[in-house]
Amino acid sequence: MTSGDITSGEAMPSETELESEYGIARATARRVARELREQGLVYTVQGEGTFVGDPDIPRAPRKTPLYQQISHEIAERIRKGEFQPNRAIPSEKMLMEQYGVAKVTVRNSVAFLRDQGWVFTVPHRGTYVSQPEDWPGTQGTAS
């Protein structure tokens, strides 16, 4: 971080990106982030990511919030047929592991998908893909 690769206010790579780029385990990526936080080199904003520098330094804004980026990826997987209508999407735990994010970020992503009509949630059962006619941009096109 002190080499200047990432400047103050910029987002640090996610745990998933650290794993991929450096060939390390998830636990190691978490330890790296924790150690950097403890040294005061980075700070974490829940639902947004981990940023370089002091929290008082303005952050470089993300183009799209992280939870929305995840929502867009899941919606694209639904659109492509990877997740079928009336079938469950991956669990919170699986999404947390896949994207290297906190539970609140996954919950915000699922709520965003639900608000748009991509999915519906059955309490204590899971979240399922909605029927295509309920997806955004398809209202009024059902036959």
Protein backbone atom coordinates (compact mmCIF):
# COMPACT_ATOMS: atom_id res chain seq x y z
CA MET A 1 0.00 0.00 0.00
CA THR A 2 2.89 2.34 0.62
CA SER A 3 4.38 1.63 -2.83
CA GLY A 4 1.75 3.88 -4.42
CA ASP A 5 -0.07 1.18 -6.41
CA ILE A 6 -3.31 2.24 -4.74
CA THR A 7 -3.71 5.84 -3.63
CA SER A 8 -5.55 7.17 -0.59
CA GLY A 9 -9.31 6.95 -0.96
CA GLU A 10 -9.19 4.17 -3.56
CA ALA A 11 -10.79 0.80 -2.93
CA MET A 12 -8.52 -2.06 -1.96
CA PRO A 13 -9.03 -5.27 -3.97
CA SER A 14 -11.72 -7.55 -2.53
CA GLU A 15 -10.83 -10.80 -0.75
CA THR A 16 -11.84 -12.67 -3.90
CA GLU A 17 -9.57 -10.50 -6.04
CA LEU A 18 -6.67 -10.98 -3.58
CA GLU A 19 -7.20 -14.75 -3.69
CA SER A 20 -7.19 -14.82 -7.45
CA GLU A 21 -4.33 -12.39 -8.04
CA TYR A 22 -1.95 -13.79 -5.44
CA GLY A 23 -3.07 -17.44 -5.30
CA ILE A 24 -3.82 -17.27 -1.58
CA ALA A 25 -6.56 -18.82 0.55
CA ARG A 26 -9.63 -16.85 1.63
CA ALA A 27 -8.48 -16.98 5.26
CA THR A 28 -5.14 -15.46 4.24
CA ALA A 29 -6.90 -12.68 2.30
CA ARG A 30 -8.99 -11.91 5.39
CA ARG A 31 -5.88 -11.80 7.58
CA VAL A 32 -4.24 -9.41 5.12
CA ALA A 33 -7.21 -7.04 5.25
CA ARG A 34 -7.42 -7.29 9.06
CA GLU A 35 -3.68 -6.63 9.45
CA LEU A 36 -3.85 -3.60 7.15
CA ARG A 37 -6.81 -2.26 9.16
CA GLU A 38 -4.96 -2.82 12.45
CA GLN A 39 -1.96 -0.91 11.06
CA GLY A 40 -4.25 1.95 10.07
CA LEU A 41 -3.40 1.63 6.37
CA VAL A 42 -6.98 0.84 5.29
CA TYR A 43 -10.51 1.15 6.65
CA THR A 44 -13.73 -0.67 5.79
CA VAL A 45 -17.12 0.88 5.04
CA GLN A 46 -19.87 -1.70 5.47
CA GLY A 47 -21.50 -2.52 2.14
CA GLU A 48 -18.99 -0.47 0.13
CA GLY A 49 -15.60 -2.08 0.59
CA THR A 50 -12.18 -1.48 2.08
CA PHE A 51 -10.38 1.74 1.23
CA VAL A 52 -6.77 2.88 1.46
CA GLY A 53 -5.79 5.63 3.87
CA ASP A 54 -7.50 7.48 6.67
CA PRO A 55 -11.33 7.49 6.90
CA ASP A 56 -11.23 11.31 6.94
CA ILE A 57 -9.76 11.38 3.42
CA PRO A 58 -12.53 11.51 0.79
CA ARG A 59 -13.10 8.18 -0.95
CA ALA A 60 -12.94 7.77 -4.68
CA PRO A 61 -16.58 6.97 -5.42
CA ARG A 62 -17.44 3.58 -6.89
CA LYS A 63 -19.29 3.86 -10.15
CA THR A 64 -21.90 1.46 -8.81
CA PRO A 65 -22.27 0.38 -5.17
CA LEU A 66 -20.89 -3.12 -4.51
CA TYR A 67 -24.28 -4.59 -3.58
CA GLN A 68 -25.67 -3.34 -6.91
CA GLN A 69 -22.72 -4.82 -8.82
CA ILE A 70 -23.49 -8.19 -7.24
CA SER A 71 -27.21 -7.76 -7.99
CA HIS A 72 -26.45 -7.02 -11.66
CA GLU A 73 -24.29 -10.15 -11.91
CA ILE A 74 -27.01 -12.33 -10.38
CA ALA A 75 -29.67 -10.74 -12.62
CA GLU A 76 -27.50 -11.49 -15.65
CA ARG A 77 -27.19 -15.12 -14.54
CA ILE A 78 -30.99 -15.26 -14.23
CA ARG A 79 -31.40 -13.68 -17.69
CA LYS A 80 -29.01 -16.25 -19.19
CA GLY A 81 -31.00 -19.10 -17.63
CA GLU A 82 -28.34 -20.18 -15.15
CA PHE A 83 -30.95 -19.68 -12.41
CA GLN A 84 -34.40 -20.88 -13.44
CA PRO A 85 -37.80 -19.46 -12.42
CA ASN A 86 -39.15 -20.89 -9.15
CA ARG A 87 -35.69 -22.30 -8.32
CA ALA A 88 -33.59 -21.01 -5.44
CA ILE A 89 -30.66 -18.67 -5.98
CA PRO A 90 -27.50 -19.47 -3.98
CA SER A 91 -27.78 -19.06 -0.21
CA GLU A 92 -26.50 -16.01 1.66
CA LYS A 93 -23.51 -18.02 2.85
CA MET A 94 -22.65 -19.14 -0.68
CA LEU A 95 -22.95 -15.59 -2.04
CA MET A 96 -20.83 -14.23 0.82
CA GLU A 97 -18.11 -16.75 -0.03
CA GLN A 98 -18.38 -16.25 -3.79
CA TYR A 99 -18.12 -12.46 -3.66
CA GLY A 100 -16.01 -12.11 -0.51
CA VAL A 101 -18.47 -9.75 1.13
CA ALA A 102 -20.32 -9.37 4.43
CA LYS A 103 -23.81 -10.70 5.07
CA VAL A 104 -25.28 -7.18 4.98
CA THR A 105 -23.92 -6.67 1.45
CA VAL A 106 -25.53 -9.92 0.27
CA ARG A 107 -28.80 -9.00 1.96
CA ASN A 108 -28.75 -5.58 0.28
CA SER A 109 -28.10 -7.29 -3.07
CA VAL A 110 -31.01 -9.70 -2.62
CA ALA A 111 -33.31 -6.87 -1.46
CA PHE A 112 -32.34 -4.90 -4.57
CA LEU A 113 -33.13 -7.91 -6.79
CA ARG A 114 -36.44 -8.41 -4.96
CA ASP A 115 -37.38 -4.72 -5.35
CA GLN A 116 -36.75 -4.98 -9.09
CA GLY A 117 -38.82 -8.16 -9.46
CA TRP A 118 -36.02 -10.64 -10.26
CA VAL A 119 -36.59 -12.75 -7.15
CA PHE A 120 -39.05 -13.40 -4.33
CA THR A 121 -38.30 -14.64 -0.82
CA VAL A 122 -40.19 -17.28 1.13
CA PRO A 123 -39.46 -16.77 4.86
CA HIS A 124 -37.35 -19.59 6.32
CA ARG A 125 -37.16 -21.28 2.90
CA GLY A 126 -35.00 -19.13 0.66
CA THR A 127 -35.04 -16.75 -2.27
CA TYR A 128 -36.30 -17.91 -5.64
CA VAL A 129 -36.22 -16.62 -9.20
CA SER A 130 -39.45 -14.87 -10.23
CA GLN A 131 -41.35 -15.67 -13.40
CA PRO A 132 -39.90 -13.90 -16.48
CA GLU A 133 -42.97 -11.69 -16.85
CA ASP A 134 -42.12 -10.17 -13.43
CA TRP A 135 -38.54 -9.26 -14.42
CA PRO A 136 -37.68 -5.60 -15.05
CA GLY A 137 -38.52 -4.40 -18.55
CA THR A 138 -40.96 -7.21 -19.22
CA GLN A 139 -44.11 -5.84 -17.57
CA GLY A 140 -47.09 -6.13 -19.87
CA THR A 141 -45.38 -8.53 -22.26
CA ALA A 142 -46.73 -11.75 -20.74
CA SER A 143 -49.14 -13.62 -22.94
